PDB file of N, CA and C in Angstrom:
ATOM      1  N   UNK A   1       0.395 -10.967  -2.601  1.00  0.00           N
ATOM      2  CA  UNK A   1       1.457 -11.566  -1.812  1.00  0.00           C
ATOM      3  C   UNK A   1       0.985 -12.854  -1.153  1.00  0.00           C
ATOM      4  N   UNK A   2      -0.249 -12.865  -0.674  1.00  0.00           N
ATOM      5  CA  UNK A   2      -0.764 -14.074  -0.032  1.00  0.00           C
ATOM      6  C   UNK A   2      -0.805 -15.243  -1.005  1.00  0.00           C
ATOM      7  N   UNK A   3      -1.145 -14.976  -2.258  1.00  0.00           N
ATOM      8  CA  UNK A   3      -1.176 -16.042  -3.262  1.00  0.00           C
ATOM      9  C   UNK A   3       0.218 -16.632  -3.422  1.00  0.00           C
ATOM     10  N   UNK A   4       1.226 -15.782  -3.518  1.00  0.00           N
ATOM     11  CA  UNK A   4       2.619 -16.223  -3.665  1.00  0.00           C
ATOM     12  C   UNK A   4       3.020 -17.102  -2.485  1.00  0.00           C
ATOM     13  N   UNK A   5       2.727 -16.645  -1.268  1.00  0.00           N
ATOM     14  CA  UNK A   5       3.093 -17.394  -0.065  1.00  0.00           C
ATOM     15  C   UNK A   5       2.375 -18.734  -0.019  1.00  0.00           C
ATOM     16  N   UNK A   6       1.124 -18.764  -0.439  1.00  0.00           N
ATOM     17  CA  UNK A   6       0.378 -20.023  -0.441  1.00  0.00           C
ATOM     18  C   UNK A   6       0.958 -21.022  -1.431  1.00  0.00           C
ATOM     19  N   UNK A   7       1.489 -20.540  -2.536  1.00  0.00           N
ATOM     20  CA  UNK A   7       2.032 -21.435  -3.557  1.00  0.00           C
ATOM     21  C   UNK A   7       3.384 -22.004  -3.146  1.00  0.00           C
ATOM     22  N   UNK A   8       4.299 -21.159  -2.706  1.00  0.00           N
ATOM     23  CA  UNK A   8       5.661 -21.638  -2.443  1.00  0.00           C
ATOM     24  C   UNK A   8       6.091 -21.554  -0.985  1.00  0.00           C
ATOM     25  N   UNK A   9       5.277 -20.991  -0.129  1.00  0.00           N
ATOM     26  CA  UNK A   9       5.657 -20.872   1.277  1.00  0.00           C
ATOM     27  C   UNK A   9       6.563 -19.671   1.506  1.00  0.00           C
ATOM     28  N   UNK A  10       7.146 -19.623   2.689  1.00  0.00           N
ATOM     29  CA  UNK A  10       8.026 -18.509   3.039  1.00  0.00           C
ATOM     30  C   UNK A  10       9.355 -18.620   2.301  1.00  0.00           C
ATOM     31  N   UNK A  11       9.813 -17.510   1.766  1.00  0.00           N
ATOM     32  CA  UNK A  11      11.118 -17.446   1.114  1.00  0.00           C
ATOM     33  C   UNK A  11      12.160 -17.255   2.206  1.00  0.00           C
ATOM     34  N   UNK A  12      13.137 -18.144   2.261  1.00  0.00           N
ATOM     35  CA  UNK A  12      14.165 -18.047   3.300  1.00  0.00           C
ATOM     36  C   UNK A  12      15.385 -17.273   2.830  1.00  0.00           C
ATOM     37  N   UNK A  13      15.761 -17.428   1.558  1.00  0.00           N
ATOM     38  CA  UNK A  13      16.929 -16.712   1.044  1.00  0.00           C
ATOM     39  C   UNK A  13      16.756 -16.447  -0.449  1.00  0.00           C
ATOM     40  N   UNK A  14      17.383 -15.348  -0.880  1.00  0.00           N
ATOM     41  CA  UNK A  14      17.323 -14.925  -2.277  1.00  0.00           C
ATOM     42  C   UNK A  14      18.716 -14.459  -2.672  1.00  0.00           C
ATOM     43  N   UNK A  15      19.183 -14.869  -3.855  1.00  0.00           N
ATOM     44  CA  UNK A  15      20.493 -14.440  -4.336  1.00  0.00           C
ATOM     45  C   UNK A  15      20.307 -13.388  -5.427  1.00  0.00           C
ATOM     46  N   UNK A  16      21.053 -12.277  -5.282  1.00  0.00           N
ATOM     47  CA  UNK A  16      20.967 -11.186  -6.248  1.00  0.00           C
ATOM     48  C   UNK A  16      22.371 -10.758  -6.672  1.00  0.00           C
ATOM     49  N   UNK A  17      22.413  -9.824  -7.623  1.00  0.00           N
ATOM     50  CA  UNK A  17      23.705  -9.351  -8.132  1.00  0.00           C
ATOM     51  C   UNK A  17      24.043  -7.932  -7.661  1.00  0.00           C
ATOM     52  N   UNK A  18      23.464  -7.470  -6.596  1.00  0.00           N
ATOM     53  CA  UNK A  18      23.734  -6.178  -5.971  1.00  0.00           C
ATOM     54  C   UNK A  18      23.023  -5.008  -6.635  1.00  0.00           C
ATOM     55  N   UNK A  19      21.953  -5.256  -7.295  1.00  0.00           N
ATOM     56  CA  UNK A  19      21.122  -4.185  -7.836  1.00  0.00           C
ATOM     57  C   UNK A  19      20.332  -3.600  -6.666  1.00  0.00           C
ATOM     58  N   UNK A  20      20.561  -2.329  -6.342  1.00  0.00           N
ATOM     59  CA  UNK A  20      19.964  -1.733  -5.152  1.00  0.00           C
ATOM     60  C   UNK A  20      18.446  -1.622  -5.244  1.00  0.00           C
ATOM     61  N   UNK A  21      17.908  -1.372  -6.433  1.00  0.00           N
ATOM     62  CA  UNK A  21      16.450  -1.329  -6.591  1.00  0.00           C
ATOM     63  C   UNK A  21      15.855  -2.705  -6.329  1.00  0.00           C
ATOM     64  N   UNK A  22      16.521  -3.722  -6.845  1.00  0.00           N
ATOM     65  CA  UNK A  22      16.074  -5.100  -6.625  1.00  0.00           C
ATOM     66  C   UNK A  22      16.134  -5.437  -5.135  1.00  0.00           C
ATOM     67  N   UNK A  23      17.212  -5.055  -4.487  1.00  0.00           N
ATOM     68  CA  UNK A  23      17.374  -5.310  -3.056  1.00  0.00           C
ATOM     69  C   UNK A  23      16.255  -4.654  -2.256  1.00  0.00           C
ATOM     70  N   UNK A  24      15.953  -3.400  -2.538  1.00  0.00           N
ATOM     71  CA  UNK A  24      14.882  -2.701  -1.818  1.00  0.00           C
ATOM     72  C   UNK A  24      13.531  -3.362  -2.039  1.00  0.00           C
ATOM     73  N   UNK A  25      13.248  -3.781  -3.266  1.00  0.00           N
ATOM     74  CA  UNK A  25      11.981  -4.452  -3.561  1.00  0.00           C
ATOM     75  C   UNK A  25      11.885  -5.778  -2.819  1.00  0.00           C
ATOM     76  N   UNK A  26      12.962  -6.533  -2.812  1.00  0.00           N
ATOM     77  CA  UNK A  26      12.966  -7.826  -2.119  1.00  0.00           C
ATOM     78  C   UNK A  26      12.739  -7.631  -0.629  1.00  0.00           C
ATOM     79  N   UNK A  27      13.385  -6.643  -0.047  1.00  0.00           N
ATOM     80  CA  UNK A  27      13.222  -6.394   1.393  1.00  0.00           C
ATOM     81  C   UNK A  27      11.802  -5.960   1.736  1.00  0.00           C
ATOM     82  N   UNK A  28      11.138  -5.261   0.816  1.00  0.00           N
ATOM     83  CA  UNK A  28       9.743  -4.873   1.064  1.00  0.00           C
ATOM     84  C   UNK A  28       8.813  -6.078   0.968  1.00  0.00           C
ATOM     85  N   UNK A  29       9.023  -6.906  -0.046  1.00  0.00           N
ATOM     86  CA  UNK A  29       8.113  -8.023  -0.297  1.00  0.00           C
ATOM     87  C   UNK A  29       8.426  -9.227   0.588  1.00  0.00           C
ATOM     88  N   UNK A  30       9.711  -9.487   0.835  1.00  0.00           N
ATOM     89  CA  UNK A  30      10.132 -10.637   1.639  1.00  0.00           C
ATOM     90  C   UNK A  30      11.008 -10.148   2.800  1.00  0.00           C
ATOM     91  N   UNK A  31      10.429  -9.478   3.790  1.00  0.00           N
ATOM     92  CA  UNK A  31      11.232  -8.842   4.841  1.00  0.00           C
ATOM     93  C   UNK A  31      12.058  -9.812   5.687  1.00  0.00           C
ATOM     94  N   UNK A  32      11.667 -11.062   5.760  1.00  0.00           N
ATOM     95  CA  UNK A  32      12.419 -12.010   6.592  1.00  0.00           C
ATOM     96  C   UNK A  32      13.445 -12.818   5.800  1.00  0.00           C
ATOM     97  N   UNK A  33      13.457 -12.658   4.487  1.00  0.00           N
ATOM     98  CA  UNK A  33      14.383 -13.433   3.649  1.00  0.00           C
ATOM     99  C   UNK A  33      15.813 -12.931   3.819  1.00  0.00           C
ATOM    100  N   UNK A  34      16.735 -13.864   3.812  1.00  0.00           N
ATOM    101  CA  UNK A  34      18.157 -13.530   3.846  1.00  0.00           C
ATOM    102  C   UNK A  34      18.592 -13.240   2.409  1.00  0.00           C
ATOM    103  N   UNK A  35      19.186 -12.069   2.189  1.00  0.00           N
ATOM    104  CA  UNK A  35      19.616 -11.678   0.847  1.00  0.00           C
ATOM    105  C   UNK A  35      21.103 -11.985   0.700  1.00  0.00           C
ATOM    106  N   UNK A  36      21.435 -12.773  -0.307  1.00  0.00           N
ATOM    107  CA  UNK A  36      22.816 -13.178  -0.573  1.00  0.00           C
ATOM    108  C   UNK A  36      23.290 -12.535  -1.869  1.00  0.00           C
ATOM    109  N   UNK A  37      24.561 -12.160  -1.894  1.00  0.00           N
ATOM    110  CA  UNK A  37      25.138 -11.618  -3.121  1.00  0.00           C
ATOM    111  C   UNK A  37      25.771 -12.745  -3.927  1.00  0.00           C
ATOM    112  N   UNK A  38      25.561 -12.725  -5.224  1.00  0.00           N
ATOM    113  CA  UNK A  38      26.163 -13.696  -6.132  1.00  0.00           C
ATOM    114  C   UNK A  38      27.683 -13.531  -6.102  1.00  0.00           C
ATOM    115  N   UNK A  39      28.390 -14.612  -5.831  1.00  0.00           N
ATOM    116  CA  UNK A  39      29.846 -14.554  -5.683  1.00  0.00           C
ATOM    117  C   UNK A  39      30.531 -14.104  -6.970  1.00  0.00           C
ATOM    118  N   UNK A  40      30.041 -14.566  -8.100  1.00  0.00           N
ATOM    119  CA  UNK A  40      30.607 -14.140  -9.382  1.00  0.00           C
ATOM    120  C   UNK A  40      30.539 -12.622  -9.511  1.00  0.00           C
ATOM    121  N   UNK A  41      29.382 -12.046  -9.179  1.00  0.00           N
ATOM    122  CA  UNK A  41      29.215 -10.602  -9.321  1.00  0.00           C
ATOM    123  C   UNK A  41      30.036  -9.825  -8.292  1.00  0.00           C
ATOM    124  N   UNK A  42      30.245 -10.394  -7.121  1.00  0.00           N
ATOM    125  CA  UNK A  42      31.124  -9.753  -6.131  1.00  0.00           C
ATOM    126  C   UNK A  42      32.541  -9.673  -6.690  1.00  0.00           C
ATOM    127  N   UNK A  43      33.050 -10.800  -7.185  1.00  0.00           N
ATOM    128  CA  UNK A  43      34.403 -10.813  -7.754  1.00  0.00           C
ATOM    129  C   UNK A  43      34.506  -9.878  -8.956  1.00  0.00           C
ATOM    130  N   UNK A  44      33.486  -9.852  -9.779  1.00  0.00           N
ATOM    131  CA  UNK A  44      33.481  -8.969 -10.942  1.00  0.00           C
ATOM    132  C   UNK A  44      33.542  -7.502 -10.508  1.00  0.00           C
ATOM    133  N   UNK A  45      32.789  -7.145  -9.475  1.00  0.00           N
ATOM    134  CA  UNK A  45      32.789  -5.762  -8.986  1.00  0.00           C
ATOM    135  C   UNK A  45      34.145  -5.382  -8.403  1.00  0.00           C
ATOM    136  N   UNK A  46      34.769  -6.297  -7.666  1.00  0.00           N
ATOM    137  CA  UNK A  46      36.093  -6.027  -7.101  1.00  0.00           C
ATOM    138  C   UNK A  46      37.107  -5.844  -8.225  1.00  0.00           C
ATOM    139  N   UNK A  47      37.054  -6.717  -9.215  1.00  0.00           N
ATOM    140  CA  UNK A  47      37.979  -6.611 -10.345  1.00  0.00           C
ATOM    141  C   UNK A  47      37.805  -5.274 -11.060  1.00  0.00           C
ATOM    142  N   UNK A  48      36.565  -4.898 -11.330  1.00  0.00           N
ATOM    143  CA  UNK A  48      36.315  -3.617 -12.008  1.00  0.00           C
ATOM    144  C   UNK A  48      36.814  -2.448 -11.166  1.00  0.00           C
ATOM    145  N   UNK A  49      36.610  -2.520  -9.848  1.00  0.00           N
ATOM    146  CA  UNK A  49      37.075  -1.459  -8.965  1.00  0.00           C
ATOM    147  C   UNK A  49      38.597  -1.349  -9.024  1.00  0.00           C
ATOM    148  N   UNK A  50      39.284  -2.494  -9.012  1.00  0.00           N
ATOM    149  CA  UNK A  50      40.749  -2.458  -9.052  1.00  0.00           C
ATOM    150  C   UNK A  50      41.257  -1.895 -10.373  1.00  0.00           C
ATOM    151  N   UNK A  51      40.573  -2.197 -11.470  1.00  0.00           N
ATOM    152  CA  UNK A  51      40.996  -1.692 -12.776  1.00  0.00           C
ATOM    153  C   UNK A  51      40.815  -0.174 -12.840  1.00  0.00           C
ATOM    154  N   UNK A  52      39.723   0.331 -12.278  1.00  0.00           N
ATOM    155  CA  UNK A  52      39.439   1.768 -12.328  1.00  0.00           C
ATOM    156  C   UNK A  52      40.237   2.557 -11.292  1.00  0.00           C
ATOM    157  N   UNK A  53      40.559   1.940 -10.181  1.00  0.00           N
ATOM    158  CA  UNK A  53      41.236   2.616  -9.076  1.00  0.00           C
ATOM    159  C   UNK A  53      42.575   3.174  -9.544  1.00  0.00           C
ATOM    160  N   UNK A  54      42.853   4.408  -9.214  1.00  0.00           N
ATOM    161  CA  UNK A  54      44.129   5.056  -9.556  1.00  0.00           C
ATOM    162  C   UNK A  54      44.461   4.921 -11.041  1.00  0.00           C
ATOM    163  N   UNK A  55      43.455   4.958 -11.878  1.00  0.00           N
ATOM    164  CA  UNK A  55      43.698   4.869 -13.314  1.00  0.00           C
ATOM    165  C   UNK A  55      44.135   3.494 -13.767  1.00  0.00           C
ATOM    166  N   UNK A  56      43.870   2.470 -12.967  1.00  0.00           N
ATOM    167  CA  UNK A  56      44.237   1.108 -13.341  1.00  0.00           C
ATOM    168  C   UNK A  56      45.710   0.815 -13.187  1.00  0.00           C
ATOM    169  N   UNK A  57      46.372   1.521 -12.272  1.00  0.00           N
ATOM    170  CA  UNK A  57      47.816   1.349 -12.109  1.00  0.00           C
ATOM    171  C   UNK A  57      48.221   0.115 -11.309  1.00  0.00           C
ATOM    172  N   UNK A  58      47.269  -0.568 -10.712  1.00  0.00           N
ATOM    173  CA  UNK A  58      47.609  -1.784  -9.973  1.00  0.00           C
ATOM    174  C   UNK A  58      47.998  -2.864 -10.984  1.00  0.00           C
ATOM    175  N   UNK A  59      49.200  -3.417 -10.870  1.00  0.00           N
ATOM    176  CA  UNK A  59      49.643  -4.430 -11.838  1.00  0.00           C
ATOM    177  C   UNK A  59      48.713  -5.652 -11.867  1.00  0.00           C
ATOM    178  N   UNK A  60      48.631  -6.259 -13.024  1.00  0.00           N
ATOM    179  CA  UNK A  60      47.744  -7.406 -13.224  1.00  0.00           C
ATOM    180  C   UNK A  60      48.043  -8.516 -12.226  1.00  0.00           C
ATOM    181  N   UNK A  61      49.326  -8.793 -11.968  1.00  0.00           N
ATOM    182  CA  UNK A  61      49.649  -9.881 -11.038  1.00  0.00           C
ATOM    183  C   UNK A  61      49.127  -9.579  -9.635  1.00  0.00           C
ATOM    184  N   UNK A  62      49.117  -8.321  -9.221  1.00  0.00           N
ATOM    185  CA  UNK A  62      48.583  -7.968  -7.904  1.00  0.00           C
ATOM    186  C   UNK A  62      47.058  -8.060  -7.884  1.00  0.00           C
ATOM    187  N   UNK A  63      46.427  -7.681  -8.985  1.00  0.00           N
ATOM    188  CA  UNK A  63      44.963  -7.841  -9.071  1.00  0.00           C
ATOM    189  C   UNK A  63      44.598  -9.315  -8.961  1.00  0.00           C
ATOM    190  N   UNK A  64      45.361 -10.166  -9.655  1.00  0.00           N
ATOM    191  CA  UNK A  64      45.101 -11.605  -9.603  1.00  0.00           C
ATOM    192  C   UNK A  64      45.288 -12.151  -8.193  1.00  0.00           C
ATOM    193  N   UNK A  65      46.286 -11.644  -7.477  1.00  0.00           N
ATOM    194  CA  UNK A  65      46.505 -12.086  -6.095  1.00  0.00           C
ATOM    195  C   UNK A  65      45.325 -11.717  -5.203  1.00  0.00           C
ATOM    196  N   UNK A  66      44.768 -10.539  -5.398  1.00  0.00           N
ATOM    197  CA  UNK A  66      43.603 -10.125  -4.611  1.00  0.00           C
ATOM    198  C   UNK A  66      42.431 -11.065  -4.872  1.00  0.00           C
ATOM    199  N   UNK A  67      42.165 -11.351  -6.140  1.00  0.00           N
ATOM    200  CA  UNK A  67      41.055 -12.246  -6.486  1.00  0.00           C
ATOM    201  C   UNK A  67      41.306 -13.644  -5.923  1.00  0.00           C
ATOM    202  N   UNK A  68      42.531 -14.153  -6.048  1.00  0.00           N
ATOM    203  CA  UNK A  68      42.862 -15.473  -5.500  1.00  0.00           C
ATOM    204  C   UNK A  68      42.664 -15.496  -3.988  1.00  0.00           C
ATOM    205  N   UNK A  69      43.059 -14.429  -3.305  1.00  0.00           N
ATOM    206  CA  UNK A  69      42.890 -14.361  -1.850  1.00  0.00           C
ATOM    207  C   UNK A  69      41.412 -14.355  -1.478  1.00  0.00           C
ATOM    208  N   UNK A  70      40.598 -13.638  -2.235  1.00  0.00           N
ATOM    209  CA  UNK A  70      39.159 -13.615  -1.957  1.00  0.00           C
ATOM    210  C   UNK A  70      38.537 -14.992  -2.150  1.00  0.00           C
ATOM    211  N   UNK A  71      38.944 -15.680  -3.205  1.00  0.00           N
ATOM    212  CA  UNK A  71      38.425 -17.031  -3.449  1.00  0.00           C
ATOM    213  C   UNK A  71      38.838 -17.955  -2.309  1.00  0.00           C
ATOM    214  N   UNK A  72      40.080 -17.835  -1.853  1.00  0.00           N
ATOM    215  CA  UNK A  72      40.563 -18.666  -0.744  1.00  0.00           C
ATOM    216  C   UNK A  72      39.802 -18.352   0.542  1.00  0.00           C
ATOM    217  N   UNK A  73      39.555 -17.070   0.812  1.00  0.00           N
ATOM    218  CA  UNK A  73      38.821 -16.691   2.025  1.00  0.00           C
ATOM    219  C   UNK A  73      37.401 -17.228   2.010  1.00  0.00           C
ATOM    220  N   UNK A  74      36.793 -17.274   0.842  1.00  0.00           N
ATOM    221  CA  UNK A  74      35.426 -17.791   0.738  1.00  0.00           C
ATOM    222  C   UNK A  74      35.367 -19.255   1.158  1.00  0.00           C
ATOM    223  N   UNK A  75      36.447 -19.970   0.941  1.00  0.00           N
ATOM    224  CA  UNK A  75      36.485 -21.400   1.263  1.00  0.00           C
ATOM    225  C   UNK A  75      36.854 -21.681   2.713  1.00  0.00           C
ATOM    226  N   UNK A  76      37.250 -20.657   3.458  1.00  0.00           N
ATOM    227  CA  UNK A  76      37.660 -20.852   4.858  1.00  0.00           C
ATOM    228  C   UNK A  76      36.460 -21.237   5.720  1.00  0.00           C
ATOM    229  N   UNK A  77      36.711 -22.081   6.689  1.00  0.00           N
ATOM    230  CA  UNK A  77      35.644 -22.500   7.592  1.00  0.00           C
ATOM    231  C   UNK A  77      35.434 -21.511   8.735  1.00  0.00           C
ATOM    232  N   UNK A  78      36.475 -20.767   9.081  1.00  0.00           N
ATOM    233  CA  UNK A  78      36.325 -19.797  10.183  1.00  0.00           C
ATOM    234  C   UNK A  78      36.811 -18.435   9.763  1.00  0.00           C
TER     235      UNK A  78
END
């Protein structure tokens, strides 16, 4: 670990795709790093959840509205 830190310094943030094993390893090795979730993978997980939820009975137009709302919220300043 000391060799890694000497080469690149302290890691401030790391982006992952929500793999829990990866998250646990990162937190052990880089305890002060801020862990960020990849936005693409967040949207993908929400979409998959909506498709599976209630047998996929949520209409496509409503699923699209949810995704559009999430994208809009990400762009909000407050």
